[in-house]
C-alpha atoms as a PDB file:
ATOM      1  CA  MET A   1      -0.257  -0.171  -0.044  1.00  0.00           C
ATOM      2  CA  LYS A   2       1.375   3.666  -0.988  1.00  0.00           C
ATOM      3  CA  GLY A   3       1.985   6.209   2.054  1.00  0.00           C
ATOM      4  CA  VAL A   4      -0.850   6.987   3.484  1.00  0.00           C
ATOM      5  CA  PRO A   5      -1.503   9.660   6.553  1.00  0.00           C
ATOM      6  CA  ARG A   6      -1.207   8.298   9.323  1.00  0.00           C
ATOM      7  CA  LYS A   7      -3.783  10.340  10.978  1.00  0.00           C
ATOM      8  CA  ALA A   8      -6.450   9.718   8.461  1.00  0.00           C
ATOM      9  CA  LEU A   9      -5.625   5.965   9.007  1.00  0.00           C
ATOM     10  CA  GLU A  10      -6.296   6.384  12.454  1.00  0.00           C
ATOM     11  CA  GLU A  11      -9.659   7.879  12.132  1.00  0.00           C
ATOM     12  CA  LEU A  12     -10.664   5.092   9.601  1.00  0.00           C
ATOM     13  CA  LEU A  13     -10.136   2.772  12.132  1.00  0.00           C
ATOM     14  CA  THR A  14     -11.125   4.269  15.181  1.00  0.00           C
ATOM     15  CA  ALA A  15     -14.408   5.203  13.757  1.00  0.00           C
ATOM     16  CA  THR A  16     -14.441   1.059  12.142  1.00  0.00           C
ATOM     17  CA  THR A  17     -14.742   0.110  15.463  1.00  0.00           C
ATOM     18  CA  ARG A  18     -17.782   1.166  16.209  1.00  0.00           C
ATOM     19  CA  PRO A  19     -16.728   1.518  19.985  1.00  0.00           C
ATOM     20  CA  GLN A  20     -20.492   1.651  22.445  1.00  0.00           C
ATOM     21  CA  ASN A  21     -21.334   1.877  25.938  1.00  0.00           C
ATOM     22  CA  VAL A  22     -22.471  -1.481  27.457  1.00  0.00           C
ATOM     23  CA  ASN A  23     -22.789  -0.718  31.079  1.00  0.00           C
ATOM     24  CA  GLY A  24     -21.083   2.268  30.570  1.00  0.00           C
ATOM     25  CA  LYS A  25     -17.990   0.724  29.573  1.00  0.00           C
ATOM     26  CA  ALA A  26     -16.865   1.192  25.661  1.00  0.00           C
ATOM     27  CA  ILE A  27     -16.702  -1.771  23.745  1.00  0.00           C
ATOM     28  CA  ASP A  28     -15.757  -1.929  20.490  1.00  0.00           C
ATOM     29  CA  GLN A  29     -18.545  -3.449  17.854  1.00  0.00           C
ATOM     30  CA  VAL A  30     -16.050  -4.035  15.449  1.00  0.00           C
ATOM     31  CA  GLU A  31     -12.841  -5.587  15.689  1.00  0.00           C
ATOM     32  CA  SER A  32     -10.973  -6.358  13.177  1.00  0.00           C
ATOM     33  CA  CYS A  33     -11.565  -5.416   8.999  1.00  0.00           C
ATOM     34  CA  VAL A  34      -9.355  -5.942   6.215  1.00  0.00           C
ATOM     35  CA  LEU A  35      -8.487  -2.012   4.343  1.00  0.00           C
ATOM     36  CA  MET A  36      -9.733  -2.022   0.814  1.00  0.00           C
ATOM     37  CA  SER A  37      -8.526   0.360  -2.089  1.00  0.00           C
ATOM     38  CA  ASP A  38     -10.300   0.616  -5.395  1.00  0.00           C
ATOM     39  CA  GLY A  39      -7.594   2.891  -6.961  1.00  0.00           C
ATOM     40  CA  THR A  40      -9.535   6.215  -5.593  1.00  0.00           C
ATOM     41  CA  ALA A  41     -10.294   5.591  -2.179  1.00  0.00           C
ATOM     42  CA  LEU A  42      -9.401   3.285   1.471  1.00  0.00           C
ATOM     43  CA  ARG A  43     -12.111   1.926   3.176  1.00  0.00           C
ATOM     44  CA  THR A  44     -13.488  -0.611   5.583  1.00  0.00           C
ATOM     45  CA  LEU A  45     -17.125  -2.510   5.015  1.00  0.00           C
ATOM     46  CA  CYS A  46     -18.379  -4.155   8.616  1.00  0.00           C
ATOM     47  CA  ILE A  47     -20.887  -6.201  10.108  1.00  0.00           C
ATOM     48  CA  VAL A  48     -20.440  -5.463  14.226  1.00  0.00           C
ATOM     49  CA  LYS A  49     -19.379  -8.673  16.039  1.00  0.00           C
ATOM     50  CA  ASP A  50     -23.477 -10.186  16.838  1.00  0.00           C
ATOM     51  CA  GLY A  51     -23.724 -10.720  12.946  1.00  0.00           C
ATOM     52  CA  THR A  52     -27.220  -9.033  12.220  1.00  0.00           C
ATOM     53  CA  THR A  53     -27.808  -5.205  13.786  1.00  0.00           C
ATOM     54  CA  SER A  54     -25.175  -3.364  11.937  1.00  0.00           C
ATOM     55  CA  LEU A  55     -23.666  -2.974   8.580  1.00  0.00           C
ATOM     56  CA  SER A  56     -20.892  -0.235   7.752  1.00  0.00           C
ATOM     57  CA  LYS A  57     -18.553   1.701   5.553  1.00  0.00           C
ATOM     58  CA  PHE A  58     -16.465   4.139   5.860  1.00  0.00           C
ATOM     59  CA  SER A  59     -13.780   5.527   3.183  1.00  0.00           C
ATOM     60  CA  PHE A  60     -11.271   8.355   3.056  1.00  0.00           C
ATOM     61  CA  ALA A  61      -9.383   9.474  -0.160  1.00  0.00           C
ATOM     62  CA  LEU A  62      -7.333   8.427  -1.719  1.00  0.00           C
ATOM     63  CA  GLU A  63      -5.358   7.328  -5.394  1.00  0.00           C
ATOM     64  CA  SER A  64      -3.318   4.424  -5.808  1.00  0.00           C
ATOM     65  CA  ASP A  65      -2.268   2.705  -8.743  1.00  0.00           C
ATOM     66  CA  GLN A  66      -3.686  -1.033  -8.356  1.00  0.00           C
ATOM     67  CA  PRO A  67      -6.562  -1.997  -6.442  1.00  0.00           C
ATOM     68  CA  PHE A  68      -5.544  -3.764  -3.075  1.00  0.00           C
ATOM     69  CA  ASN A  69      -6.746  -5.260  -0.240  1.00  0.00           C
ATOM     70  CA  ILE A  70      -5.445  -5.270   3.394  1.00  0.00           C
ATOM     71  CA  PRO A  71      -6.252  -7.445   6.791  1.00  0.00           C
ATOM     72  CA  VAL A  72      -5.952  -5.757  10.222  1.00  0.00           C
ATOM     73  CA  PRO A  73      -6.816  -8.600  12.337  1.00  0.00           C
ATOM     74  CA  ASP A  74      -6.916  -6.919  15.362  1.00  0.00           C
ATOM     75  CA  ILE A  75      -7.882  -3.277  14.501  1.00  0.00           C
ATOM     76  CA  SER A  76      -6.689  -2.052  18.382  1.00  0.00           C
ATOM     77  CA  ARG A  77      -3.351  -3.613  18.201  1.00  0.00           C
ATOM     78  CA  LEU A  78      -2.259  -1.884  14.499  1.00  0.00           C
ATOM     79  CA  LEU A  79      -3.593   1.583  15.891  1.00  0.00           C
ATOM     80  CA  GLY A  80      -0.965   0.610  18.500  1.00  0.00           C
ATOM     81  CA  VAL A  81       1.476   0.911  16.316  1.00  0.00           C
ATOM     82  CA  LEU A  82       0.603   3.301  14.392  1.00  0.00           C
ATOM     83  CA  LYS A  83       0.483   5.991  17.163  1.00  0.00           C
ATOM     84  CA  PHE A  84       4.778   5.241  17.029  1.00  0.00           C
ATOM     85  CA  HIS A  85       5.006   6.508  13.308  1.00  0.00           C
ATOM     86  CA  SER A  86       5.820   9.146  11.398  1.00  0.00           C
ATOM     87  CA  ASP A  87       2.954  11.229   9.232  1.00  0.00           C
ATOM     88  CA  VAL A  88       3.257   9.505   6.264  1.00  0.00           C
ATOM     89  CA  VAL A  89       3.207   5.095   6.795  1.00  0.00           C
ATOM     90  CA  SER A  90       2.708   2.731   4.101  1.00  0.00           C
ATOM     91  CA  LEU A  91       0.995  -1.308   4.656  1.00  0.00           C
ATOM     92  CA  ASP A  92       2.149  -4.177   2.933  1.00  0.00           C
ATOM     93  CA  LEU A  93       0.939  -8.121   3.136  1.00  0.00           C
ATOM     94  CA  GLY A  94       3.755 -10.413   3.558  1.00  0.00           C
ATOM     95  CA  ASP A  95       3.306 -14.444   4.602  1.00  0.00           C
ATOM     96  CA  GLU A  96       0.378 -13.927   7.355  1.00  0.00           C
ATOM     97  CA  LYS A  97       2.302 -11.018   8.491  1.00  0.00           C
ATOM     98  CA  VAL A  98       1.344  -7.246   7.575  1.00  0.00           C
ATOM     99  CA  VAL A  99       4.165  -4.496   7.661  1.00  0.00           C
ATOM    100  CA  VAL A 100       3.825  -1.025   8.675  1.00  0.00           C
ATOM    101  CA  ARG A 101       6.735   1.226   6.832  1.00  0.00           C
ATOM    102  CA  SER A 102       7.591   5.207   7.681  1.00  0.00           C
ATOM    103  CA  LYS A 103      10.809   6.699   7.407  1.00  0.00           C
ATOM    104  CA  GLY A 104      13.270   4.860   9.239  1.00  0.00           C
ATOM    105  CA  LYS A 105      11.075   2.271  10.954  1.00  0.00           C
ATOM    106  CA  GLN A 106       9.529  -1.030   9.911  1.00  0.00           C
ATOM    107  CA  THR A 107       7.047  -2.615  12.325  1.00  0.00           C
ATOM    108  CA  THR A 108       5.548  -5.959  11.324  1.00  0.00           C
ATOM    109  CA  LEU A 109       2.359  -7.273  12.857  1.00  0.00           C
ATOM    110  CA  LEU A 110       1.385 -10.655  12.608  1.00  0.00           C
ATOM    111  CA  GLY A 111      -2.394 -12.277  11.235  1.00  0.00           C
ATOM    112  CA  GLY A 112      -3.141 -11.867   7.140  1.00  0.00           C
ATOM    113  CA  PHE A 113      -6.564 -13.203   5.756  1.00  0.00           C
ATOM    114  CA  ASN A 114      -6.576 -16.470   7.577  1.00  0.00           C
ATOM    115  CA  ALA A 115      -7.218 -14.681  10.920  1.00  0.00           C
ATOM    116  CA  LYS A 116     -10.313 -15.184  13.140  1.00  0.00           C
ATOM    117  CA  SER A 117     -12.366 -11.543  12.680  1.00  0.00           C
ATOM    118  CA  TYR A 118     -12.399 -11.475  16.822  1.00  0.00           C
ATOM    119  CA  ALA A 119     -11.826 -13.709  19.620  1.00  0.00           C
ATOM    120  CA  ASN A 120     -14.228 -16.231  19.708  1.00  0.00           C
ATOM    121  CA  SER A 121     -15.580 -16.406  15.994  1.00  0.00           C
ATOM    122  CA  GLN A 122     -16.417 -19.528  14.005  1.00  0.00           C
ATOM    123  CA  SER A 123     -15.145 -17.359  10.991  1.00  0.00           C
ATOM    124  CA  ASN A 124     -12.149 -16.119   9.148  1.00  0.00           C
ATOM    125  CA  LEU A 125     -11.521 -11.979   7.452  1.00  0.00           C
ATOM    126  CA  THR A 126     -12.077 -13.703   4.452  1.00  0.00           C
ATOM    127  CA  GLU A 127     -15.844 -15.317   4.954  1.00  0.00           C
ATOM    128  CA  ALA A 128     -16.236 -11.880   7.480  1.00  0.00           C
ATOM    129  CA  GLN A 129     -16.143  -9.845   4.551  1.00  0.00           C
ATOM    130  CA  THR A 130     -17.905 -11.552   1.951  1.00  0.00           C
ATOM    131  CA  ARG A 131     -20.562 -12.084   3.915  1.00  0.00           C
ATOM    132  CA  ALA A 132     -20.279  -8.201   4.528  1.00  0.00           C
ATOM    133  CA  LEU A 133     -20.127  -7.275   0.293  1.00  0.00           C
ATOM    134  CA  GLU A 134     -23.044  -9.608   0.218  1.00  0.00           C
ATOM    135  CA  ARG A 135     -25.295  -7.632   2.584  1.00  0.00           C
ATOM    136  CA  ALA A 136     -23.992  -4.363   0.817  1.00  0.00           C
ATOM    137  CA  ASP A 137     -25.697  -5.799  -2.093  1.00  0.00           C
ATOM    138  CA  SER A 138     -28.682  -4.845  -0.301  1.00  0.00           C
ATOM    139  CA  PHE A 139     -28.686  -1.552  -1.531  1.00  0.00           C
ATOM    140  CA  ASN A 140     -29.828  -0.036  -5.035  1.00  0.00           C
ATOM    141  CA  GLY A 141     -29.505   3.403  -4.025  1.00  0.00           C
ATOM    142  CA  ASP A 142     -31.600   4.543  -1.478  1.00  0.00           C
ATOM    143  CA  ASN A 143     -33.641   1.419  -2.026  1.00  0.00           C
ATOM    144  CA  TYR A 144     -33.383  -1.653   0.078  1.00  0.00           C
ATOM    145  CA  VAL A 145     -32.972  -4.854  -2.367  1.00  0.00           C
ATOM    146  CA  LEU A 146     -35.194  -7.826  -0.765  1.00  0.00           C
ATOM    147  CA  SER A 147     -34.342 -11.319  -0.975  1.00  0.00           C
ATOM    148  CA  ASP A 148     -36.628 -11.922  -3.788  1.00  0.00           C
ATOM    149  CA  GLY A 149     -35.386  -8.762  -6.019  1.00  0.00           C
ATOM    150  CA  SER A 150     -37.777  -6.439  -4.859  1.00  0.00           C
ATOM    151  CA  THR A 151     -36.786  -2.739  -3.112  1.00  0.00           C
ATOM    152  CA  ARG A 152     -38.572  -1.479  -0.231  1.00  0.00           C
ATOM    153  CA  PRO A 153     -37.832   2.688  -0.694  1.00  0.00           C
ATOM    154  CA  PRO A 154     -37.444   4.995   3.198  1.00  0.00           C
ATOM    155  CA  PHE A 155     -41.248   5.332   3.949  1.00  0.00           C
ATOM    156  CA  ALA A 156     -38.689   9.221   5.409  1.00  0.00           C
ATOM    157  CA  SER A 157     -35.740  10.484   4.406  1.00  0.00           C
ATOM    158  CA  ILE A 158     -34.442  13.684   6.691  1.00  0.00           C
ATOM    159  CA  THR A 159     -31.131  15.614   5.806  1.00  0.00           C
ATOM    160  CA  LEU A 160     -29.438  17.107   8.979  1.00  0.00           C
ATOM    161  CA  ASP A 161     -26.633  18.586  10.211  1.00  0.00           C
ATOM    162  CA  CYS A 162     -23.903  15.737  11.354  1.00  0.00           C
ATOM    163  CA  LYS A 163     -22.470  18.766  14.290  1.00  0.00           C
ATOM    164  CA  GLU A 164     -26.531  19.107  15.683  1.00  0.00           C
ATOM    165  CA  LEU A 165     -27.479  15.302  15.897  1.00  0.00           C
ATOM    166  CA  HIS A 166     -24.109  14.580  17.753  1.00  0.00           C
ATOM    167  CA  GLU A 167     -24.963  17.485  20.150  1.00  0.00           C
ATOM    168  CA  ALA A 168     -28.456  15.773  20.660  1.00  0.00           C
ATOM    169  CA  LEU A 169     -27.267  12.606  20.658  1.00  0.00           C
ATOM    170  CA  ARG A 170     -24.148  13.134  22.805  1.00  0.00           C
ATOM    171  CA  CYS A 171     -26.625  13.899  25.920  1.00  0.00           C
ATOM    172  CA  ASP A 172     -26.706  10.609  26.431  1.00  0.00           C
ATOM    173  CA  ALA A 173     -23.776  10.960  28.370  1.00  0.00           C
ATOM    174  CA  ILE A 174     -25.560  12.984  30.708  1.00  0.00           C
ATOM    175  CA  ASN A 175     -24.159  13.025  34.311  1.00  0.00           C
ATOM    176  CA  GLY A 176     -22.128   9.906  33.319  1.00  0.00           C
ATOM    177  CA  GLN A 177     -25.214   7.870  31.839  1.00  0.00           C
ATOM    178  CA  ARG A 178     -24.084   6.728  28.666  1.00  0.00           C
ATOM    179  CA  LEU A 179     -27.169   4.036  28.097  1.00  0.00           C
ATOM    180  CA  ASN A 180     -26.298   3.401  24.418  1.00  0.00           C
ATOM    181  CA  ARG A 181     -30.503   4.041  23.013  1.00  0.00           C
ATOM    182  CA  TYR A 182     -31.307   6.888  20.880  1.00  0.00           C
ATOM    183  CA  THR A 183     -35.386   7.019  20.263  1.00  0.00           C
ATOM    184  CA  PHE A 184     -36.712   9.080  17.451  1.00  0.00           C
ATOM    185  CA  GLU A 185     -40.485   9.823  17.070  1.00  0.00           C
ATOM    186  CA  SER A 186     -42.451  11.661  14.197  1.00  0.00           C
ATOM    187  CA  LYS A 187     -45.156  13.377  15.244  1.00  0.00           C
ATOM    188  CA  HIS A 188     -47.080  16.051  13.721  1.00  0.00           C
ATOM    189  CA  GLY A 189     -44.279  16.925  11.416  1.00  0.00           C
ATOM    190  CA  GLU A 190     -41.910  16.995  13.982  1.00  0.00           C
ATOM    191  CA  LEU A 191     -38.609  14.792  14.122  1.00  0.00           C
ATOM    192  CA  LEU A 192     -37.264  14.477  18.069  1.00  0.00           C
ATOM    193  CA  VAL A 193     -35.200  12.022  19.309  1.00  0.00           C
ATOM    194  CA  THR A 194     -34.886  11.377  22.954  1.00  0.00           C
ATOM    195  CA  VAL A 195     -31.649  10.534  25.295  1.00  0.00           C
ATOM    196  CA  GLY A 196     -30.830   9.158  28.909  1.00  0.00           C
ATOM    197  CA  ASP A 197     -33.256   8.461  31.699  1.00  0.00           C
ATOM    198  CA  PRO A 198     -35.211  10.074  33.979  1.00  0.00           C
ATOM    199  CA  PHE A 199     -33.712  10.081  36.900  1.00  0.00           C
ATOM    200  CA  LYS A 200     -30.517  11.233  35.428  1.00  0.00           C
ATOM    201  CA  GLY A 201     -31.753  13.699  32.832  1.00  0.00           C
ATOM    202  CA  GLU A 202     -33.192  12.634  30.178  1.00  0.00           C
ATOM    203  CA  THR A 203     -32.980  15.232  26.673  1.00  0.00           C
ATOM    204  CA  THR A 204     -35.303  16.247  24.202  1.00  0.00           C
ATOM    205  CA  THR A 205     -33.643  17.444  20.578  1.00  0.00           C
ATOM    206  CA  LEU A 206     -36.214  18.289  18.116  1.00  0.00           C
ATOM    207  CA  LEU A 207     -34.484  17.882  14.983  1.00  0.00           C
ATOM    208  CA  ASP A 208     -36.602  18.767  12.355  1.00  0.00           C
ATOM    209  CA  ASP A 209     -39.882  20.490  12.458  1.00  0.00           C
ATOM    210  CA  ASN A 210     -41.537  19.845   9.211  1.00  0.00           C
ATOM    211  CA  ILE A 211     -40.726  16.506   8.079  1.00  0.00           C
ATOM    212  CA  HIS A 212     -43.361  14.792   5.356  1.00  0.00           C
ATOM    213  CA  ALA A 213     -44.017  11.160   7.112  1.00  0.00           C
ATOM    214  CA  ASP A 214     -46.837   9.311   9.537  1.00  0.00           C
ATOM    215  CA  ASP A 215     -46.297   9.473  12.746  1.00  0.00           C
ATOM    216  CA  PHE A 216     -43.715   6.702  13.750  1.00  0.00           C
ATOM    217  CA  VAL A 217     -41.283   5.757  16.766  1.00  0.00           C
ATOM    218  CA  ALA A 218     -38.066   3.867  16.513  1.00  0.00           C
ATOM    219  CA  THR A 219     -35.268   3.313  19.083  1.00  0.00           C
ATOM    220  CA  PHE A 220     -31.716   2.475  18.466  1.00  0.00           C
ATOM    221  CA  GLU A 221     -28.222   1.188  19.762  1.00  0.00           C
ATOM    222  CA  GLY A 222     -24.892   0.583  18.025  1.00  0.00           C
ATOM    223  CA  GLY A 223     -22.919   3.670  19.414  1.00  0.00           C
ATOM    224  CA  LEU A 224     -23.429   6.734  16.940  1.00  0.00           C
ATOM    225  CA  GLU A 225     -22.854   9.766  18.744  1.00  0.00           C
ATOM    226  CA  ASN A 226     -19.598   8.149  18.605  1.00  0.00           C
ATOM    227  CA  VAL A 227     -19.903   7.891  14.532  1.00  0.00           C
ATOM    228  CA  LEU A 228     -20.984  11.093  14.388  1.00  0.00           C
ATOM    229  CA  LYS A 229     -18.290  12.891  15.567  1.00  0.00           C
ATOM    230  CA  HIS A 230     -15.523  12.083  12.607  1.00  0.00           C
ATOM    231  CA  TYR A 231     -17.692  14.200  10.351  1.00  0.00           C
ATOM    232  CA  SER A 232     -19.041  17.560   9.239  1.00  0.00           C
ATOM    233  CA  LEU A 233     -21.536  18.809   6.632  1.00  0.00           C
ATOM    234  CA  ASP A 234     -24.745  16.521   6.633  1.00  0.00           C
ATOM    235  CA  VAL A 235     -25.785  13.754   7.012  1.00  0.00           C
ATOM    236  CA  LYS A 236     -29.335  11.875   5.324  1.00  0.00           C
ATOM    237  CA  LEU A 237     -31.525   9.741   7.743  1.00  0.00           C
ATOM    238  CA  HIS A 238     -33.967   7.127   6.139  1.00  0.00           C
ATOM    239  CA  PHE A 239     -35.829   4.937   7.715  1.00  0.00           C
ATOM    240  CA  TYR A 240     -37.700   2.107   6.195  1.00  0.00           C
ATOM    241  CA  ASN A 241     -40.454  -0.039   8.230  1.00  0.00           C
ATOM    242  CA  PHE A 242     -40.044  -3.813   8.536  1.00  0.00           C
ATOM    243  CA  SER A 243     -42.746  -4.526  10.269  1.00  0.00           C
ATOM    244  CA  PRO A 244     -44.195  -7.046   7.803  1.00  0.00           C
ATOM    245  CA  GLU A 245     -41.974  -8.706   8.761  1.00  0.00           C
ATOM    246  CA  GLY A 246     -41.397  -8.380  12.470  1.00  0.00           C
ATOM    247  CA  GLN A 247     -38.369  -6.154  12.373  1.00  0.00           C
ATOM    248  CA  GLY A 248     -39.285  -3.180  13.254  1.00  0.00           C
ATOM    249  CA  ILE A 249     -37.669  -0.074  11.862  1.00  0.00           C
ATOM    250  CA  ARG A 250     -34.279  -0.102  10.439  1.00  0.00           C
ATOM    251  CA  MET A 251     -32.526   3.358   9.631  1.00  0.00           C
ATOM    252  CA  MET A 252     -30.048   4.434   7.226  1.00  0.00           C
ATOM    253  CA  MET A 253     -27.123   7.591   7.800  1.00  0.00           C
ATOM    254  CA  GLU A 254     -25.889   8.637   4.912  1.00  0.00           C
ATOM    255  CA  PHE A 255     -22.397  11.121   4.769  1.00  0.00           C
ATOM    256  CA  ASN A 256     -21.814  13.715   2.305  1.00  0.00           C
ATOM    257  CA  ASN A 257     -18.387  11.398   0.974  1.00  0.00           C
ATOM    258  CA  GLY A 258     -20.865   8.075   0.530  1.00  0.00           C
ATOM    259  CA  ASP A 259     -19.853   6.618   3.389  1.00  0.00           C
ATOM    260  CA  TRP A 260     -22.827   4.946   5.767  1.00  0.00           C
ATOM    261  CA  VAL A 261     -24.050   3.145   9.118  1.00  0.00           C
ATOM    262  CA  PHE A 262     -26.704   0.881   8.493  1.00  0.00           C
ATOM    263  CA  GLN A 263     -28.749   0.569  11.571  1.00  0.00           C
ATOM    264  CA  CYS A 264     -31.707  -2.265  13.215  1.00  0.00           C
ATOM    265  CA  GLY A 265     -33.712  -1.150  15.422  1.00  0.00           C
ATOM    266  CA  VAL A 266     -34.594  -1.858  19.249  1.00  0.00           C
ATOM    267  CA  LEU A 267     -37.392  -4.931  19.076  1.00  0.00           C
END
């Protein structure tokens, strides 16, 4: 892999881990990934460890002479290496190992595509990446493609400012709560989000006062405030109704650079 800005790579990897709070402790939802380049961008595409509730794509622009894939069996280990390297780094794949290079320095990490995608996983990185790519094929533009080939459009789409949505969701941390739960509600043409518990401080934020959608309530988890902090400009929220399948409401967060997070609602 050609030289890339270390800080951009660190931010990509940190966003990919998707930390969420469980009993007040930050837990990474993604522990491994494959760094993929199509010649124009470096990206990750990952399903969270439970295998069902969320799929995400993160990226940054990167020109390269040819496509490449670099396995990252342990994101936290690679981040621990990168902080000791200079501002531009390169990653190369050897025999079941990844070599990190910067000016005058080289660090070797064991682990390749055959490494487990996380400690108790039954699948390796290649198998996990294949599943993520197959899941990503379920999207055709803003529409979700069902298994029978039919498409389901979002019943509501709202464009918001990333920083404003982040400010609303991070109120989940008031008085150290960190419940990791966000309830979106549409009523009377308004979109609201509520976080927190009344005992320590429940906060409701008006996100939009003129949306065109039927009333609904949907609750999500997944450490979404930890995703939003990496972005500026706008984010578009798409809401999909999977109630006929007994799967409630799902949400897509779509960012200006083409990155996105698809999150299942809490049933």
